[in-house]
Amino acid sequence: MPGRIRRIRDDRDLEVWVKELSGNRRAVTLLNRSNKPANIKVSWQEIGMEGKLKVRDLWEHKNLGKFEGSFTRKNIASHEAIVLLVEK
């Protein structure tokens, strides 16, 4: 059963949020609350998954590829949020 939205990391101005979805998928939000661009990395272990996983940017409607162990979104603009779908 899908879970609630949880903040799994709060590094002051950089946050990672996750929501468990049906079908062993996760919605992951990377939030840059700082005043400058930033890179945010999320590991599959943090979101309760493992292996080589597909990542899709839900707002840009783009498949970003398959990634082993983690995903890093580079150059997230100041006060921007990125919403990803992560699945097998």
PDB file of N, CA and C in Angstrom:
ATOM      1  N   MET A   1       0.845  -1.184   0.000  1.00  0.00           N
ATOM      2  CA  MET A   1       0.000   0.000   0.000  1.00  0.00           C
ATOM      3  C   MET A   1       0.888   1.244   0.000  1.00  0.00           C
ATOM      4  N   PRO A   2       0.558   2.225  -0.822  1.00  0.00           N
ATOM      5  CA  PRO A   2       1.343   3.454  -0.862  1.00  0.00           C
ATOM      6  C   PRO A   2       1.392   4.141   0.500  1.00  0.00           C
ATOM      7  N   GLY A   3       2.509   4.802   0.763  1.00  0.00           N
ATOM      8  CA  GLY A   3       2.722   5.457   2.049  1.00  0.00           C
ATOM      9  C   GLY A   3       2.529   6.957   1.971  1.00  0.00           C
ATOM     10  N   ARG A   4       2.843   7.588   3.071  1.00  0.00           N
ATOM     11  CA  ARG A   4       2.710   9.044   3.139  1.00  0.00           C
ATOM     12  C   ARG A   4       4.007   9.706   2.661  1.00  0.00           C
ATOM     13  N   ILE A   5       3.950  10.979   2.444  1.00  0.00           N
ATOM     14  CA  ILE A   5       5.132  11.739   2.041  1.00  0.00           C
ATOM     15  C   ILE A   5       6.009  11.941   3.270  1.00  0.00           C
ATOM     16  N   ARG A   6       7.318  11.641   3.110  1.00  0.00           N
ATOM     17  CA  ARG A   6       8.262  11.782   4.226  1.00  0.00           C
ATOM     18  C   ARG A   6       9.480  12.575   3.779  1.00  0.00           C
ATOM     19  N   ARG A   7       9.924  13.465   4.637  1.00  0.00           N
ATOM     20  CA  ARG A   7      11.210  14.122   4.386  1.00  0.00           C
ATOM     21  C   ARG A   7      12.278  13.175   4.895  1.00  0.00           C
ATOM     22  N   ILE A   8      13.169  12.733   4.017  1.00  0.00           N
ATOM     23  CA  ILE A   8      14.190  11.780   4.432  1.00  0.00           C
ATOM     24  C   ILE A   8      15.547  12.445   4.638  1.00  0.00           C
ATOM     25  N   ARG A   9      15.679  13.686   4.183  1.00  0.00           N
ATOM     26  CA  ARG A   9      16.920  14.412   4.438  1.00  0.00           C
ATOM     27  C   ARG A   9      16.652  15.898   4.462  1.00  0.00           C
ATOM     28  N   ASP A  10      17.267  16.567   5.431  1.00  0.00           N
ATOM     29  CA  ASP A  10      17.187  18.026   5.543  1.00  0.00           C
ATOM     30  C   ASP A  10      18.588  18.531   5.842  1.00  0.00           C
ATOM     31  N   ASP A  11      19.281  18.959   4.793  1.00  0.00           N
ATOM     32  CA  ASP A  11      20.637  19.499   4.924  1.00  0.00           C
ATOM     33  C   ASP A  11      20.567  21.028   4.908  1.00  0.00           C
ATOM     34  N   ARG A  12      19.802  21.562   5.832  1.00  0.00           N
ATOM     35  CA  ARG A  12      19.544  23.003   5.924  1.00  0.00           C
ATOM     36  C   ARG A  12      18.749  23.490   4.717  1.00  0.00           C
ATOM     37  N   ASP A  13      19.429  23.905   3.661  1.00  0.00           N
ATOM     38  CA  ASP A  13      18.735  24.462   2.495  1.00  0.00           C
ATOM     39  C   ASP A  13      18.403  23.436   1.419  1.00  0.00           C
ATOM     40  N   LEU A  14      18.883  22.204   1.574  1.00  0.00           N
ATOM     41  CA  LEU A  14      18.640  21.159   0.583  1.00  0.00           C
ATOM     42  C   LEU A  14      17.849  20.038   1.235  1.00  0.00           C
ATOM     43  N   GLU A  15      16.739  19.656   0.602  1.00  0.00           N
ATOM     44  CA  GLU A  15      15.875  18.625   1.182  1.00  0.00           C
ATOM     45  C   GLU A  15      15.569  17.546   0.153  1.00  0.00           C
ATOM     46  N   VAL A  16      15.319  16.331   0.668  1.00  0.00           N
ATOM     47  CA  VAL A  16      14.851  15.216  -0.157  1.00  0.00           C
ATOM     48  C   VAL A  16      13.595  14.663   0.502  1.00  0.00           C
ATOM     49  N   TRP A  17      12.529  14.551  -0.283  1.00  0.00           N
ATOM     50  CA  TRP A  17      11.249  14.021   0.169  1.00  0.00           C
ATOM     51  C   TRP A  17      10.922  12.783  -0.659  1.00  0.00           C
ATOM     52  N   VAL A  18      10.219  11.814  -0.078  1.00  0.00           N
ATOM     53  CA  VAL A  18       9.860  10.601  -0.810  1.00  0.00           C
ATOM     54  C   VAL A  18       8.441  10.170  -0.462  1.00  0.00           C
ATOM     55  N   LYS A  19       7.761   9.612  -1.456  1.00  0.00           N
ATOM     56  CA  LYS A  19       6.446   9.014  -1.248  1.00  0.00           C
ATOM     57  C   LYS A  19       6.454   7.658  -1.926  1.00  0.00           C
ATOM     58  N   GLU A  20       6.128   6.628  -1.159  1.00  0.00           N
ATOM     59  CA  GLU A  20       6.038   5.283  -1.708  1.00  0.00           C
ATOM     60  C   GLU A  20       4.757   5.182  -2.527  1.00  0.00           C
ATOM     61  N   LEU A  21       4.889   4.652  -3.745  1.00  0.00           N
ATOM     62  CA  LEU A  21       3.754   4.487  -4.650  1.00  0.00           C
ATOM     63  C   LEU A  21       3.496   3.002  -4.876  1.00  0.00           C
ATOM     64  N   SER A  22       2.385   2.691  -5.495  1.00  0.00           N
ATOM     65  CA  SER A  22       2.088   1.288  -5.815  1.00  0.00           C
ATOM     66  C   SER A  22       3.109   0.779  -6.843  1.00  0.00           C
ATOM     67  N   GLY A  23       3.241  -0.529  -6.925  1.00  0.00           N
ATOM     68  CA  GLY A  23       4.127  -1.119  -7.918  1.00  0.00           C
ATOM     69  C   GLY A  23       5.600  -0.938  -7.625  1.00  0.00           C
ATOM     70  N   ASN A  24       5.965  -0.812  -6.345  1.00  0.00           N
ATOM     71  CA  ASN A  24       7.365  -0.650  -5.938  1.00  0.00           C
ATOM     72  C   ASN A  24       8.025   0.543  -6.641  1.00  0.00           C
ATOM     73  N   ARG A  25       7.308   1.658  -6.668  1.00  0.00           N
ATOM     74  CA  ARG A  25       7.814   2.904  -7.252  1.00  0.00           C
ATOM     75  C   ARG A  25       7.883   3.959  -6.155  1.00  0.00           C
ATOM     76  N   ARG A  26       8.669   5.013  -6.406  1.00  0.00           N
ATOM     77  CA  ARG A  26       8.771   6.117  -5.461  1.00  0.00           C
ATOM     78  C   ARG A  26       8.682   7.440  -6.215  1.00  0.00           C
ATOM     79  N   ALA A  27       7.975   8.386  -5.631  1.00  0.00           N
ATOM     80  CA  ALA A  27       8.035   9.776  -6.075  1.00  0.00           C
ATOM     81  C   ALA A  27       9.053  10.443  -5.165  1.00  0.00           C
ATOM     82  N   VAL A  28      10.029  11.109  -5.765  1.00  0.00           N
ATOM     83  CA  VAL A  28      11.107  11.740  -4.997  1.00  0.00           C
ATOM     84  C   VAL A  28      11.166  13.212  -5.382  1.00  0.00           C
ATOM     85  N   THR A  29      11.172  14.073  -4.374  1.00  0.00           N
ATOM     86  CA  THR A  29      11.297  15.513  -4.612  1.00  0.00           C
ATOM     87  C   THR A  29      12.629  15.989  -4.069  1.00  0.00           C
ATOM     88  N   LEU A  30      13.372  16.702  -4.910  1.00  0.00           N
ATOM     89  CA  LEU A  30      14.634  17.318  -4.535  1.00  0.00           C
ATOM     90  C   LEU A  30      14.371  18.819  -4.449  1.00  0.00           C
ATOM     91  N   LEU A  31      14.568  19.396  -3.286  1.00  0.00           N
ATOM     92  CA  LEU A  31      14.204  20.791  -3.049  1.00  0.00           C
ATOM     93  C   LEU A  31      15.430  21.617  -2.665  1.00  0.00           C
ATOM     94  N   ASN A  32      15.685  22.646  -3.446  1.00  0.00           N
ATOM     95  CA  ASN A  32      16.787  23.580  -3.170  1.00  0.00           C
ATOM     96  C   ASN A  32      16.185  24.868  -2.616  1.00  0.00           C
ATOM     97  N   ARG A  33      16.295  25.066  -1.310  1.00  0.00           N
ATOM     98  CA  ARG A  33      15.770  26.281  -0.676  1.00  0.00           C
ATOM     99  C   ARG A  33      16.835  27.362  -0.548  1.00  0.00           C
ATOM    100  N   SER A  34      18.027  27.115  -1.068  1.00  0.00           N
ATOM    101  CA  SER A  34      19.126  28.066  -0.924  1.00  0.00           C
ATOM    102  C   SER A  34      19.019  29.200  -1.947  1.00  0.00           C
ATOM    103  N   ASN A  35      19.943  30.134  -1.837  1.00  0.00           N
ATOM    104  CA  ASN A  35      19.970  31.279  -2.746  1.00  0.00           C
ATOM    105  C   ASN A  35      20.910  31.077  -3.924  1.00  0.00           C
ATOM    106  N   LYS A  36      21.389  29.836  -4.122  1.00  0.00           N
ATOM    107  CA  LYS A  36      22.286  29.561  -5.248  1.00  0.00           C
ATOM    108  C   LYS A  36      22.001  28.160  -5.790  1.00  0.00           C
ATOM    109  N   PRO A  37      22.383  27.894  -7.030  1.00  0.00           N
ATOM    110  CA  PRO A  37      22.176  26.555  -7.598  1.00  0.00           C
ATOM    111  C   PRO A  37      22.911  25.497  -6.776  1.00  0.00           C
ATOM    112  N   ALA A  38      22.385  24.262  -6.804  1.00  0.00           N
ATOM    113  CA  ALA A  38      22.990  23.192  -6.010  1.00  0.00           C
ATOM    114  C   ALA A  38      22.780  21.841  -6.687  1.00  0.00           C
ATOM    115  N   ASN A  39      23.662  20.902  -6.346  1.00  0.00           N
ATOM    116  CA  ASN A  39      23.517  19.510  -6.755  1.00  0.00           C
ATOM    117  C   ASN A  39      22.911  18.752  -5.582  1.00  0.00           C
ATOM    118  N   ILE A  40      21.944  17.880  -5.858  1.00  0.00           N
ATOM    119  CA  ILE A  40      21.352  17.060  -4.794  1.00  0.00           C
ATOM    120  C   ILE A  40      21.408  15.603  -5.234  1.00  0.00           C
ATOM    121  N   LYS A  41      21.951  14.773  -4.357  1.00  0.00           N
ATOM    122  CA  LYS A  41      22.082  13.334  -4.614  1.00  0.00           C
ATOM    123  C   LYS A  41      21.134  12.583  -3.693  1.00  0.00           C
ATOM    124  N   VAL A  42      20.469  11.565  -4.240  1.00  0.00           N
ATOM    125  CA  VAL A  42      19.634  10.679  -3.433  1.00  0.00           C
ATOM    126  C   VAL A  42      20.101   9.255  -3.702  1.00  0.00           C
ATOM    127  N   SER A  43      20.329   8.494  -2.641  1.00  0.00           N
ATOM    128  CA  SER A  43      20.735   7.099  -2.810  1.00  0.00           C
ATOM    129  C   SER A  43      19.505   6.216  -2.773  1.00  0.00           C
ATOM    130  N   TRP A  44      19.594   5.091  -3.463  1.00  0.00           N
ATOM    131  CA  TRP A  44      18.469   4.152  -3.470  1.00  0.00           C
ATOM    132  C   TRP A  44      18.230   3.593  -2.069  1.00  0.00           C
ATOM    133  N   GLN A  45      19.279   3.451  -1.287  1.00  0.00           N
ATOM    134  CA  GLN A  45      19.114   2.967   0.081  1.00  0.00           C
ATOM    135  C   GLN A  45      18.232   3.923   0.896  1.00  0.00           C
ATOM    136  N   GLU A  46      18.404   5.228   0.710  1.00  0.00           N
ATOM    137  CA  GLU A  46      17.604   6.226   1.434  1.00  0.00           C
ATOM    138  C   GLU A  46      16.117   6.077   1.160  1.00  0.00           C
ATOM    139  N   ILE A  47      15.770   5.647  -0.059  1.00  0.00           N
ATOM    140  CA  ILE A  47      14.355   5.554  -0.427  1.00  0.00           C
ATOM    141  C   ILE A  47      13.836   4.119  -0.381  1.00  0.00           C
ATOM    142  N   GLY A  48      14.650   3.219   0.173  1.00  0.00           N
ATOM    143  CA  GLY A  48      14.210   1.839   0.360  1.00  0.00           C
ATOM    144  C   GLY A  48      14.193   1.004  -0.904  1.00  0.00           C
ATOM    145  N   MET A  49      15.112   1.300  -1.825  1.00  0.00           N
ATOM    146  CA  MET A  49      15.195   0.547  -3.074  1.00  0.00           C
ATOM    147  C   MET A  49      16.645   0.158  -3.327  1.00  0.00           C
ATOM    148  N   GLU A  50      16.859  -0.682  -4.347  1.00  0.00           N
ATOM    149  CA  GLU A  50      18.222  -1.075  -4.693  1.00  0.00           C
ATOM    150  C   GLU A  50      18.282  -1.496  -6.149  1.00  0.00           C
ATOM    151  N   GLY A  51      19.507  -1.598  -6.655  1.00  0.00           N
ATOM    152  CA  GLY A  51      19.719  -2.050  -8.019  1.00  0.00           C
ATOM    153  C   GLY A  51      19.813  -0.909  -9.009  1.00  0.00           C
ATOM    154  N   LYS A  52      19.632  -1.241 -10.270  1.00  0.00           N
ATOM    155  CA  LYS A  52      19.660  -0.262 -11.361  1.00  0.00           C
ATOM    156  C   LYS A  52      18.220   0.172 -11.610  1.00  0.00           C
ATOM    157  N   LEU A  53      17.941   1.445 -11.351  1.00  0.00           N
ATOM    158  CA  LEU A  53      16.563   1.935 -11.383  1.00  0.00           C
ATOM    159  C   LEU A  53      16.368   3.012 -12.446  1.00  0.00           C
ATOM    160  N   LYS A  54      15.157   3.043 -13.005  1.00  0.00           N
ATOM    161  CA  LYS A  54      14.781   4.060 -13.985  1.00  0.00           C
ATOM    162  C   LYS A  54      14.366   5.333 -13.249  1.00  0.00           C
ATOM    163  N   VAL A  55      14.794   6.468 -13.804  1.00  0.00           N
ATOM    164  CA  VAL A  55      14.443   7.773 -13.234  1.00  0.00           C
ATOM    165  C   VAL A  55      13.777   8.605 -14.323  1.00  0.00           C
ATOM    166  N   ARG A  56      12.633   9.197 -13.973  1.00  0.00           N
ATOM    167  CA  ARG A  56      11.897  10.069 -14.896  1.00  0.00           C
ATOM    168  C   ARG A  56      11.615  11.397 -14.212  1.00  0.00           C
ATOM    169  N   ASP A  57      11.888  12.497 -14.905  1.00  0.00           N
ATOM    170  CA  ASP A  57      11.543  13.827 -14.415  1.00  0.00           C
ATOM    171  C   ASP A  57      10.067  14.045 -14.748  1.00  0.00           C
ATOM    172  N   LEU A  58       9.234  14.129 -13.717  1.00  0.00           N
ATOM    173  CA  LEU A  58       7.790  14.211 -13.945  1.00  0.00           C
ATOM    174  C   LEU A  58       7.347  15.568 -14.471  1.00  0.00           C
ATOM    175  N   TRP A  59       8.029  16.628 -14.119  1.00  0.00           N
ATOM    176  CA  TRP A  59       7.618  17.946 -14.604  1.00  0.00           C
ATOM    177  C   TRP A  59       8.088  18.207 -16.027  1.00  0.00           C
ATOM    178  N   GLU A  60       9.266  17.668 -16.379  1.00  0.00           N
ATOM    179  CA  GLU A  60       9.773  17.854 -17.739  1.00  0.00           C
ATOM    180  C   GLU A  60       9.292  16.749 -18.683  1.00  0.00           C
ATOM    181  N   HIS A  61       8.635  15.720 -18.126  1.00  0.00           N
ATOM    182  CA  HIS A  61       8.146  14.590 -18.920  1.00  0.00           C
ATOM    183  C   HIS A  61       9.278  13.935 -19.706  1.00  0.00           C
ATOM    184  N   LYS A  62      10.429  13.719 -19.004  1.00  0.00           N
ATOM    185  CA  LYS A  62      11.605  13.143 -19.663  1.00  0.00           C
ATOM    186  C   LYS A  62      12.126  11.959 -18.872  1.00  0.00           C
ATOM    187  N   ASN A  63      12.426  10.870 -19.588  1.00  0.00           N
ATOM    188  CA  ASN A  63      13.135   9.752 -18.976  1.00  0.00           C
ATOM    189  C   ASN A  63      14.604  10.139 -18.901  1.00  0.00           C
ATOM    190  N   LEU A  64      15.198   9.996 -17.735  1.00  0.00           N
ATOM    191  CA  LEU A  64      16.582  10.415 -17.532  1.00  0.00           C
ATOM    192  C   LEU A  64      17.567   9.261 -17.620  1.00  0.00           C
ATOM    193  N   GLY A  65      17.057   8.024 -17.638  1.00  0.00           N
ATOM    194  CA  GLY A  65      17.926   6.866 -17.773  1.00  0.00           C
ATOM    195  C   GLY A  65      17.834   5.938 -16.585  1.00  0.00           C
ATOM    196  N   LYS A  66      18.736   4.930 -16.588  1.00  0.00           N
ATOM    197  CA  LYS A  66      18.831   3.982 -15.479  1.00  0.00           C
ATOM    198  C   LYS A  66      20.102   4.278 -14.693  1.00  0.00           C
ATOM    199  N   PHE A  67      19.988   4.206 -13.367  1.00  0.00           N
ATOM    200  CA  PHE A  67      21.099   4.574 -12.497  1.00  0.00           C
ATOM    201  C   PHE A  67      21.286   3.519 -11.420  1.00  0.00           C
ATOM    202  N   GLU A  68      22.531   3.189 -11.133  1.00  0.00           N
ATOM    203  CA  GLU A  68      22.891   2.170 -10.148  1.00  0.00           C
ATOM    204  C   GLU A  68      23.237   2.855  -8.822  1.00  0.00           C
ATOM    205  N   GLY A  69      22.484   2.543  -7.773  1.00  0.00           N
ATOM    206  CA  GLY A  69      22.830   2.982  -6.423  1.00  0.00           C
ATOM    207  C   GLY A  69      22.375   4.362  -6.002  1.00  0.00           C
ATOM    208  N   SER A  70      22.324   5.312  -6.947  1.00  0.00           N
ATOM    209  CA  SER A  70      21.940   6.681  -6.582  1.00  0.00           C
ATOM    210  C   SER A  70      21.682   7.498  -7.847  1.00  0.00           C
ATOM    211  N   PHE A  71      21.159   8.701  -7.621  1.00  0.00           N
ATOM    212  CA  PHE A  71      20.941   9.657  -8.702  1.00  0.00           C
ATOM    213  C   PHE A  71      21.312  11.037  -8.188  1.00  0.00           C
ATOM    214  N   THR A  72      22.034  11.806  -9.005  1.00  0.00           N
ATOM    215  CA  THR A  72      22.386  13.185  -8.662  1.00  0.00           C
ATOM    216  C   THR A  72      21.815  14.109  -9.714  1.00  0.00           C
ATOM    217  N   ARG A  73      21.022  15.071  -9.260  1.00  0.00           N
ATOM    218  CA  ARG A  73      20.535  16.125 -10.166  1.00  0.00           C
ATOM    219  C   ARG A  73      21.444  17.316  -9.952  1.00  0.00           C
ATOM    220  N   LYS A  74      22.085  17.751 -11.024  1.00  0.00           N
ATOM    221  CA  LYS A  74      23.045  18.841 -10.937  1.00  0.00           C
ATOM    222  C   LYS A  74      22.387  20.170 -11.278  1.00  0.00           C
ATOM    223  N   ASN A  75      22.918  21.204 -10.652  1.00  0.00           N
ATOM    224  CA  ASN A  75      22.546  22.580 -10.977  1.00  0.00           C
ATOM    225  C   ASN A  75      21.050  22.856 -10.817  1.00  0.00           C
ATOM    226  N   ILE A  76      20.483  22.439  -9.689  1.00  0.00           N
ATOM    227  CA  ILE A  76      19.088  22.763  -9.382  1.00  0.00           C
ATOM    228  C   ILE A  76      19.048  24.238  -9.002  1.00  0.00           C
ATOM    229  N   ALA A  77      18.239  24.998  -9.685  1.00  0.00           N
ATOM    230  CA  ALA A  77      18.187  26.443  -9.470  1.00  0.00           C
ATOM    231  C   ALA A  77      17.740  26.783  -8.048  1.00  0.00           C
ATOM    232  N   SER A  78      18.086  27.963  -7.625  1.00  0.00           N
ATOM    233  CA  SER A  78      17.682  28.469  -6.323  1.00  0.00           C
ATOM    234  C   SER A  78      16.162  28.413  -6.176  1.00  0.00           C
ATOM    235  N   HIS A  79      15.691  27.889  -5.068  1.00  0.00           N
ATOM    236  CA  HIS A  79      14.268  27.789  -4.742  1.00  0.00           C
ATOM    237  C   HIS A  79      13.479  26.932  -5.746  1.00  0.00           C
ATOM    238  N   GLU A  80      14.151  25.973  -6.366  1.00  0.00           N
ATOM    239  CA  GLU A  80      13.497  25.082  -7.329  1.00  0.00           C
ATOM    240  C   GLU A  80      13.285  23.702  -6.703  1.00  0.00           C
ATOM    241  N   ALA A  81      12.226  23.038  -7.141  1.00  0.00           N
ATOM    242  CA  ALA A  81      11.955  21.658  -6.742  1.00  0.00           C
ATOM    243  C   ALA A  81      11.917  20.799  -7.998  1.00  0.00           C
ATOM    244  N   ILE A  82      12.518  19.622  -7.907  1.00  0.00           N
ATOM    245  CA  ILE A  82      12.523  18.638  -8.982  1.00  0.00           C
ATOM    246  C   ILE A  82      11.743  17.431  -8.487  1.00  0.00           C
ATOM    247  N   VAL A  83      10.782  16.953  -9.269  1.00  0.00           N
ATOM    248  CA  VAL A  83       9.985  15.789  -8.872  1.00  0.00           C
ATOM    249  C   VAL A  83      10.303  14.638  -9.822  1.00  0.00           C
ATOM    250  N   LEU A  84      10.722  13.519  -9.224  1.00  0.00           N
ATOM    251  CA  LEU A  84      11.167  12.363  -9.988  1.00  0.00           C
ATOM    252  C   LEU A  84      10.292  11.151  -9.695  1.00  0.00           C
ATOM    253  N   LEU A  85      10.178  10.274 -10.680  1.00  0.00           N
ATOM    254  CA  LEU A  85       9.599   8.955 -10.483  1.00  0.00           C
ATOM    255  C   LEU A  85      10.750   7.962 -10.569  1.00  0.00           C
ATOM    256  N   VAL A  86      10.911   7.133  -9.542  1.00  0.00           N
ATOM    257  CA  VAL A  86      11.978   6.125  -9.509  1.00  0.00           C
ATOM    258  C   VAL A  86      11.314   4.751  -9.458  1.00  0.00           C
ATOM    259  N   GLU A  87      11.731   3.859 -10.375  1.00  0.00           N
ATOM    260  CA  GLU A  87      11.141   2.522 -10.431  1.00  0.00           C
ATOM    261  C   GLU A  87      12.112   1.526 -11.049  1.00  0.00           C
ATOM    262  N   LYS A  88      11.789   0.230 -10.853  1.00  0.00           N
ATOM    263  CA  LYS A  88      12.616  -0.848 -11.434  1.00  0.00           C
ATOM    264  C   LYS A  88      12.548  -0.803 -12.935  1.00  0.00           C
TER     265      LYS A  88
END
